Amino acid sequence: RKAWAIPIMEGDFIVENDFGVVEGIAGG
């Protein structure tokens, strides 16, 4: 997966480049 390594005090924070969005349902 394409991700970013962001240098922080404990080492690197890894976050994926993009995130999926889908149609969901709420209020059950």
PDB file of all heavy atoms in Angstrom:
ATOM      1  N   ARG A   1       0.834  -1.207   0.000  1.00  0.00           N
ATOM      2  CA  ARG A   1       0.000   0.000   0.000  1.00  0.00           C
ATOM      3  C   ARG A   1       0.872   1.262   0.000  1.00  0.00           C
ATOM      4  O   ARG A   1       1.884   1.323   0.698  1.00  0.00           O
ATOM      5  CB  ARG A   1      -0.911   0.018   1.219  1.00  0.00           C
ATOM      6  CG  ARG A   1      -1.826  -1.192   1.325  1.00  0.00           C
ATOM      7  CD  ARG A   1      -2.838  -0.984   2.414  1.00  0.00           C
ATOM      8  NE  ARG A   1      -3.655  -2.167   2.659  1.00  0.00           N
ATOM      9  CZ  ARG A   1      -4.813  -2.132   3.297  1.00  0.00           C
ATOM     10  NH1 ARG A   1      -5.290  -0.982   3.759  1.00  0.00           N
ATOM     11  NH2 ARG A   1      -5.503  -3.244   3.490  1.00  0.00           N
ATOM     12  N   LYS A   2       0.438   2.250  -0.752  1.00  0.00           N
ATOM     13  CA  LYS A   2       1.122   3.541  -0.770  1.00  0.00           C
ATOM     14  C   LYS A   2       0.825   4.263   0.535  1.00  0.00           C
ATOM     15  O   LYS A   2      -0.341   4.451   0.910  1.00  0.00           O
ATOM     16  CB  LYS A   2       0.640   4.372  -1.960  1.00  0.00           C
ATOM     17  CG  LYS A   2       1.263   5.764  -2.035  1.00  0.00           C
ATOM     18  CD  LYS A   2       0.699   6.544  -3.215  1.00  0.00           C
ATOM     19  CE  LYS A   2       1.238   7.964  -3.239  1.00  0.00           C
ATOM     20  NZ  LYS A   2       0.648   8.751  -4.376  1.00  0.00           N
ATOM     21  N   ALA A   3       1.886   4.671   1.227  1.00  0.00           N
ATOM     22  CA  ALA A   3       1.718   5.316   2.526  1.00  0.00           C
ATOM     23  C   ALA A   3       2.781   6.399   2.706  1.00  0.00           C
ATOM     24  O   ALA A   3       3.681   6.569   1.857  1.00  0.00           O
ATOM     25  CB  ALA A   3       1.824   4.276   3.644  1.00  0.00           C
ATOM     26  N   TRP A   4       2.654   7.112   3.821  1.00  0.00           N
ATOM     27  CA  TRP A   4       3.623   8.152   4.165  1.00  0.00           C
ATOM     28  C   TRP A   4       4.240   7.845   5.516  1.00  0.00           C
ATOM     29  O   TRP A   4       3.534   7.448   6.449  1.00  0.00           O
ATOM     30  CB  TRP A   4       2.962   9.521   4.193  1.00  0.00           C
ATOM     31  CG  TRP A   4       2.524   9.986   2.838  1.00  0.00           C
ATOM     32  CD1 TRP A   4       1.287   9.853   2.272  1.00  0.00           C
ATOM     33  CD2 TRP A   4       3.340  10.633   1.867  1.00  0.00           C
ATOM     34  NE1 TRP A   4       1.278  10.362   1.004  1.00  0.00           N
ATOM     35  CE2 TRP A   4       2.530  10.859   0.723  1.00  0.00           C
ATOM     36  CE3 TRP A   4       4.675  11.040   1.840  1.00  0.00           C
ATOM     37  CZ2 TRP A   4       3.013  11.476  -0.420  1.00  0.00           C
ATOM     38  CZ3 TRP A   4       5.160  11.663   0.693  1.00  0.00           C
ATOM     39  CH2 TRP A   4       4.328  11.869  -0.421  1.00  0.00           C
ATOM     40  N   ALA A   5       5.552   8.020   5.602  1.00  0.00           N
ATOM     41  CA  ALA A   5       6.266   7.900   6.870  1.00  0.00           C
ATOM     42  C   ALA A   5       6.564   9.313   7.361  1.00  0.00           C
ATOM     43  O   ALA A   5       7.314  10.055   6.708  1.00  0.00           O
ATOM     44  CB  ALA A   5       7.544   7.095   6.694  1.00  0.00           C
ATOM     45  N   ILE A   6       5.983   9.669   8.470  1.00  0.00           N
ATOM     46  CA  ILE A   6       6.142  11.010   9.028  1.00  0.00           C
ATOM     47  C   ILE A   6       7.032  10.908  10.265  1.00  0.00           C
ATOM     48  O   ILE A   6       6.669  10.229  11.231  1.00  0.00           O
ATOM     49  CB  ILE A   6       4.777  11.614   9.402  1.00  0.00           C
ATOM     50  CG1 ILE A   6       3.875  11.679   8.158  1.00  0.00           C
ATOM     51  CG2 ILE A   6       4.945  12.991  10.023  1.00  0.00           C
ATOM     52  CD1 ILE A   6       2.442  12.082   8.464  1.00  0.00           C
ATOM     53  N   PRO A   7       8.194  11.559  10.262  1.00  0.00           N
ATOM     54  CA  PRO A   7       9.084  11.468  11.414  1.00  0.00           C
ATOM     55  C   PRO A   7       8.460  12.121  12.652  1.00  0.00           C
ATOM     56  O   PRO A   7       8.018  13.274  12.597  1.00  0.00           O
ATOM     57  CB  PRO A   7      10.336  12.235  10.978  1.00  0.00           C
ATOM     58  CG  PRO A   7      10.241  12.343   9.493  1.00  0.00           C
ATOM     59  CD  PRO A   7       8.773  12.374   9.183  1.00  0.00           C
ATOM     60  N   ILE A   8       8.400  11.367  13.729  1.00  0.00           N
ATOM     61  CA  ILE A   8       7.917  11.907  15.018  1.00  0.00           C
ATOM     62  C   ILE A   8       8.886  11.460  16.103  1.00  0.00           C
ATOM     63  O   ILE A   8       9.856  10.744  15.837  1.00  0.00           O
ATOM     64  CB  ILE A   8       6.483  11.433  15.336  1.00  0.00           C
ATOM     65  CG1 ILE A   8       6.396   9.903  15.349  1.00  0.00           C
ATOM     66  CG2 ILE A   8       5.494  12.004  14.315  1.00  0.00           C
ATOM     67  CD1 ILE A   8       5.045   9.360  15.783  1.00  0.00           C
ATOM     68  N   MET A   9       8.641  11.843  17.337  1.00  0.00           N
ATOM     69  CA  MET A   9       9.625  11.625  18.392  1.00  0.00           C
ATOM     70  C   MET A   9       9.910  10.152  18.677  1.00  0.00           C
ATOM     71  O   MET A   9      11.013   9.789  19.078  1.00  0.00           O
ATOM     72  CB  MET A   9       9.194  12.353  19.669  1.00  0.00           C
ATOM     73  CG  MET A   9       9.272  13.871  19.553  1.00  0.00           C
ATOM     74  SD  MET A   9       9.122  14.726  21.136  1.00  0.00           S
ATOM     75  CE  MET A   9       7.425  14.366  21.565  1.00  0.00           C
ATOM     76  N   GLU A  10       8.909   9.272  18.471  1.00  0.00           N
ATOM     77  CA  GLU A  10       9.150   7.863  18.774  1.00  0.00           C
ATOM     78  C   GLU A  10       9.708   7.081  17.591  1.00  0.00           C
ATOM     79  O   GLU A  10      10.058   5.912  17.725  1.00  0.00           O
ATOM     80  CB  GLU A  10       7.870   7.194  19.270  1.00  0.00           C
ATOM     81  CG  GLU A  10       6.820   6.989  18.188  1.00  0.00           C
ATOM     82  CD  GLU A  10       5.691   6.059  18.628  1.00  0.00           C
ATOM     83  OE1 GLU A  10       5.653   5.662  19.805  1.00  0.00           O
ATOM     84  OE2 GLU A  10       4.844   5.759  17.770  1.00  0.00           O
ATOM     85  N   GLY A  11       9.750   7.698  16.420  1.00  0.00           N
ATOM     86  CA  GLY A  11      10.195   7.017  15.196  1.00  0.00           C
ATOM     87  C   GLY A  11       9.462   7.580  14.005  1.00  0.00           C
ATOM     88  O   GLY A  11       9.494   8.783  13.766  1.00  0.00           O
ATOM     89  N   ASP A  12       8.731   6.745  13.237  1.00  0.00           N
ATOM     90  CA  ASP A  12       7.916   7.199  12.111  1.00  0.00           C
ATOM     91  C   ASP A  12       6.459   6.822  12.351  1.00  0.00           C
ATOM     92  O   ASP A  12       6.163   5.706  12.786  1.00  0.00           O
ATOM     93  CB  ASP A  12       8.362   6.551  10.799  1.00  0.00           C
ATOM     94  CG  ASP A  12       9.603   7.199  10.211  1.00  0.00           C
ATOM     95  OD1 ASP A  12       9.943   8.328  10.645  1.00  0.00           O
ATOM     96  OD2 ASP A  12      10.241   6.579   9.336  1.00  0.00           O
ATOM     97  N   PHE A  13       5.572   7.772  12.053  1.00  0.00           N
ATOM     98  CA  PHE A  13       4.130   7.469  12.005  1.00  0.00           C
ATOM     99  C   PHE A  13       3.796   7.121  10.565  1.00  0.00           C
ATOM    100  O   PHE A  13       4.118   7.866   9.642  1.00  0.00           O
ATOM    101  CB  PHE A  13       3.315   8.670  12.462  1.00  0.00           C
ATOM    102  CG  PHE A  13       1.834   8.527  12.221  1.00  0.00           C
ATOM    103  CD1 PHE A  13       1.088   7.613  12.940  1.00  0.00           C
ATOM    104  CD2 PHE A  13       1.189   9.298  11.257  1.00  0.00           C
ATOM    105  CE1 PHE A  13      -0.282   7.467  12.719  1.00  0.00           C
ATOM    106  CE2 PHE A  13      -0.178   9.169  11.032  1.00  0.00           C
ATOM    107  CZ  PHE A  13      -0.914   8.250  11.767  1.00  0.00           C
ATOM    108  N   ILE A  14       3.135   5.983  10.376  1.00  0.00           N
ATOM    109  CA  ILE A  14       2.762   5.528   9.036  1.00  0.00           C
ATOM    110  C   ILE A  14       1.267   5.758   8.825  1.00  0.00           C
ATOM    111  O   ILE A  14       0.441   5.308   9.617  1.00  0.00           O
ATOM    112  CB  ILE A  14       3.085   4.030   8.837  1.00  0.00           C
ATOM    113  CG1 ILE A  14       4.554   3.744   9.151  1.00  0.00           C
ATOM    114  CG2 ILE A  14       2.734   3.606   7.414  1.00  0.00           C
ATOM    115  CD1 ILE A  14       5.535   4.466   8.259  1.00  0.00           C
ATOM    116  N   VAL A  15       0.930   6.439   7.741  1.00  0.00           N
ATOM    117  CA  VAL A  15      -0.473   6.653   7.389  1.00  0.00           C
ATOM    118  C   VAL A  15      -0.650   6.369   5.904  1.00  0.00           C
ATOM    119  O   VAL A  15       0.155   6.804   5.073  1.00  0.00           O
ATOM    120  CB  VAL A  15      -0.931   8.092   7.739  1.00  0.00           C
ATOM    121  CG1 VAL A  15      -0.104   9.150   7.014  1.00  0.00           C
ATOM    122  CG2 VAL A  15      -2.415   8.279   7.430  1.00  0.00           C
ATOM    123  N   GLU A  16      -1.672   5.603   5.570  1.00  0.00           N
ATOM    124  CA  GLU A  16      -1.939   5.301   4.162  1.00  0.00           C
ATOM    125  C   GLU A  16      -2.313   6.565   3.415  1.00  0.00           C
ATOM    126  O   GLU A  16      -2.937   7.476   3.970  1.00  0.00           O
ATOM    127  CB  GLU A  16      -3.049   4.250   4.051  1.00  0.00           C
ATOM    128  CG  GLU A  16      -3.156   3.657   2.667  1.00  0.00           C
ATOM    129  CD  GLU A  16      -3.850   2.311   2.644  1.00  0.00           C
ATOM    130  OE1 GLU A  16      -4.007   1.676   3.714  1.00  0.00           O
ATOM    131  OE2 GLU A  16      -4.234   1.872   1.551  1.00  0.00           O
ATOM    132  N   ASN A  17      -1.945   6.624   2.141  1.00  0.00           N
ATOM    133  CA  ASN A  17      -2.155   7.837   1.355  1.00  0.00           C
ATOM    134  C   ASN A  17      -3.617   8.216   1.219  1.00  0.00           C
ATOM    135  O   ASN A  17      -3.985   9.386   1.366  1.00  0.00           O
ATOM    136  CB  ASN A  17      -1.547   7.667  -0.033  1.00  0.00           C
ATOM    137  CG  ASN A  17      -1.647   8.925  -0.871  1.00  0.00           C
ATOM    138  OD1 ASN A  17      -0.930   9.894  -0.647  1.00  0.00           O
ATOM    139  ND2 ASN A  17      -2.548   8.935  -1.847  1.00  0.00           N
ATOM    140  N   ASP A  18      -4.482   7.236   0.919  1.00  0.00           N
ATOM    141  CA  ASP A  18      -5.894   7.560   0.740  1.00  0.00           C
ATOM    142  C   ASP A  18      -6.771   6.491   1.388  1.00  0.00           C
ATOM    143  O   ASP A  18      -6.349   5.364   1.607  1.00  0.00           O
ATOM    144  CB  ASP A  18      -6.250   7.734  -0.738  1.00  0.00           C
ATOM    145  CG  ASP A  18      -5.817   6.556  -1.585  1.00  0.00           C
ATOM    146  OD1 ASP A  18      -4.613   6.471  -1.926  1.00  0.00           O
ATOM    147  OD2 ASP A  18      -6.665   5.719  -1.908  1.00  0.00           O
ATOM    148  N   PHE A  19      -8.007   6.894   1.678  1.00  0.00           N
ATOM    149  CA  PHE A  19      -8.949   6.049   2.402  1.00  0.00           C
ATOM    150  C   PHE A  19     -10.250   5.924   1.617  1.00  0.00           C
ATOM    151  O   PHE A  19     -10.709   6.886   0.987  1.00  0.00           O
ATOM    152  CB  PHE A  19      -9.240   6.643   3.788  1.00  0.00           C
ATOM    153  CG  PHE A  19      -8.086   6.515   4.746  1.00  0.00           C
ATOM    154  CD1 PHE A  19      -6.976   7.338   4.630  1.00  0.00           C
ATOM    155  CD2 PHE A  19      -8.098   5.569   5.757  1.00  0.00           C
ATOM    156  CE1 PHE A  19      -5.900   7.217   5.496  1.00  0.00           C
ATOM    157  CE2 PHE A  19      -7.033   5.429   6.634  1.00  0.00           C
ATOM    158  CZ  PHE A  19      -5.923   6.264   6.505  1.00  0.00           C
ATOM    159  N   GLY A  20     -10.855   4.737   1.668  1.00  0.00           N
ATOM    160  CA  GLY A  20     -12.105   4.490   0.970  1.00  0.00           C
ATOM    161  C   GLY A  20     -13.305   5.035   1.720  1.00  0.00           C
ATOM    162  O   GLY A  20     -13.311   5.104   2.953  1.00  0.00           O
ATOM    163  N   VAL A  21     -14.309   5.419   0.960  1.00  0.00           N
ATOM    164  CA  VAL A  21     -15.589   5.885   1.510  1.00  0.00           C
ATOM    165  C   VAL A  21     -16.702   5.116   0.815  1.00  0.00           C
ATOM    166  O   VAL A  21     -16.706   5.002  -0.423  1.00  0.00           O
ATOM    167  CB  VAL A  21     -15.779   7.400   1.302  1.00  0.00           C
ATOM    168  CG1 VAL A  21     -17.164   7.837   1.763  1.00  0.00           C
ATOM    169  CG2 VAL A  21     -14.710   8.191   2.044  1.00  0.00           C
ATOM    170  N   VAL A  22     -17.646   4.585   1.581  1.00  0.00           N
ATOM    171  CA  VAL A  22     -18.766   3.845   1.000  1.00  0.00           C
ATOM    172  C   VAL A  22     -20.083   4.371   1.546  1.00  0.00           C
ATOM    173  O   VAL A  22     -20.122   5.084   2.560  1.00  0.00           O
ATOM    174  CB  VAL A  22     -18.667   2.329   1.308  1.00  0.00           C
ATOM    175  CG1 VAL A  22     -17.424   1.739   0.667  1.00  0.00           C
ATOM    176  CG2 VAL A  22     -18.680   2.069   2.807  1.00  0.00           C
ATOM    177  N   GLU A  23     -21.160   4.013   0.859  1.00  0.00           N
ATOM    178  CA  GLU A  23     -22.492   4.329   1.341  1.00  0.00           C
ATOM    179  C   GLU A  23     -22.845   3.356   2.469  1.00  0.00           C
ATOM    180  O   GLU A  23     -22.833   2.139   2.282  1.00  0.00           O
ATOM    181  CB  GLU A  23     -23.519   4.197   0.213  1.00  0.00           C
ATOM    182  CG  GLU A  23     -23.331   5.189  -0.924  1.00  0.00           C
ATOM    183  CD  GLU A  23     -23.705   6.609  -0.542  1.00  0.00           C
ATOM    184  OE1 GLU A  23     -24.403   6.779   0.477  1.00  0.00           O
ATOM    185  OE2 GLU A  23     -23.292   7.532  -1.268  1.00  0.00           O
ATOM    186  N   GLY A  24     -23.143   3.889   3.640  1.00  0.00           N
ATOM    187  CA  GLY A  24     -23.509   3.062   4.777  1.00  0.00           C
ATOM    188  C   GLY A  24     -24.869   3.423   5.314  1.00  0.00           C
ATOM    189  O   GLY A  24     -25.620   4.192   4.702  1.00  0.00           O
ATOM    190  N   ILE A  25     -25.167   2.880   6.454  1.00  0.00           N
ATOM    191  CA  ILE A  25     -26.491   3.064   7.056  1.00  0.00           C
ATOM    192  C   ILE A  25     -26.324   3.365   8.543  1.00  0.00           C
ATOM    193  O   ILE A  25     -25.429   2.822   9.190  1.00  0.00           O
ATOM    194  CB  ILE A  25     -27.356   1.805   6.837  1.00  0.00           C
ATOM    195  CG1 ILE A  25     -28.836   2.096   7.020  1.00  0.00           C
ATOM    196  CG2 ILE A  25     -26.898   0.654   7.674  1.00  0.00           C
ATOM    197  CD1 ILE A  25     -29.497   2.659   5.800  1.00  0.00           C
ATOM    198  N   ALA A  26     -27.167   4.244   9.065  1.00  0.00           N
ATOM    199  CA  ALA A  26     -27.088   4.622  10.476  1.00  0.00           C
ATOM    200  C   ALA A  26     -28.484   4.628  11.086  1.00  0.00           C
ATOM    201  O   ALA A  26     -29.480   4.807  10.397  1.00  0.00           O
ATOM    202  CB  ALA A  26     -26.440   5.996  10.630  1.00  0.00           C
ATOM    203  N   GLY A  27     -28.538   4.446  12.383  1.00  0.00           N
ATOM    204  CA  GLY A  27     -29.801   4.566  13.098  1.00  0.00           C
ATOM    205  C   GLY A  27     -30.533   3.267  13.356  1.00  0.00           C
ATOM    206  O   GLY A  27     -31.659   3.291  13.878  1.00  0.00           O
ATOM    207  N   GLY A  28     -29.934   2.112  13.000  1.00  0.00           N
ATOM    208  CA  GLY A  28     -30.561   0.859  13.415  1.00  0.00           C
ATOM    209  C   GLY A  28     -30.729   0.870  14.920  1.00  0.00           C
ATOM    210  O   GLY A  28     -29.815   1.283  15.642  1.00  0.00           O
TER     211      GLY A  28
END
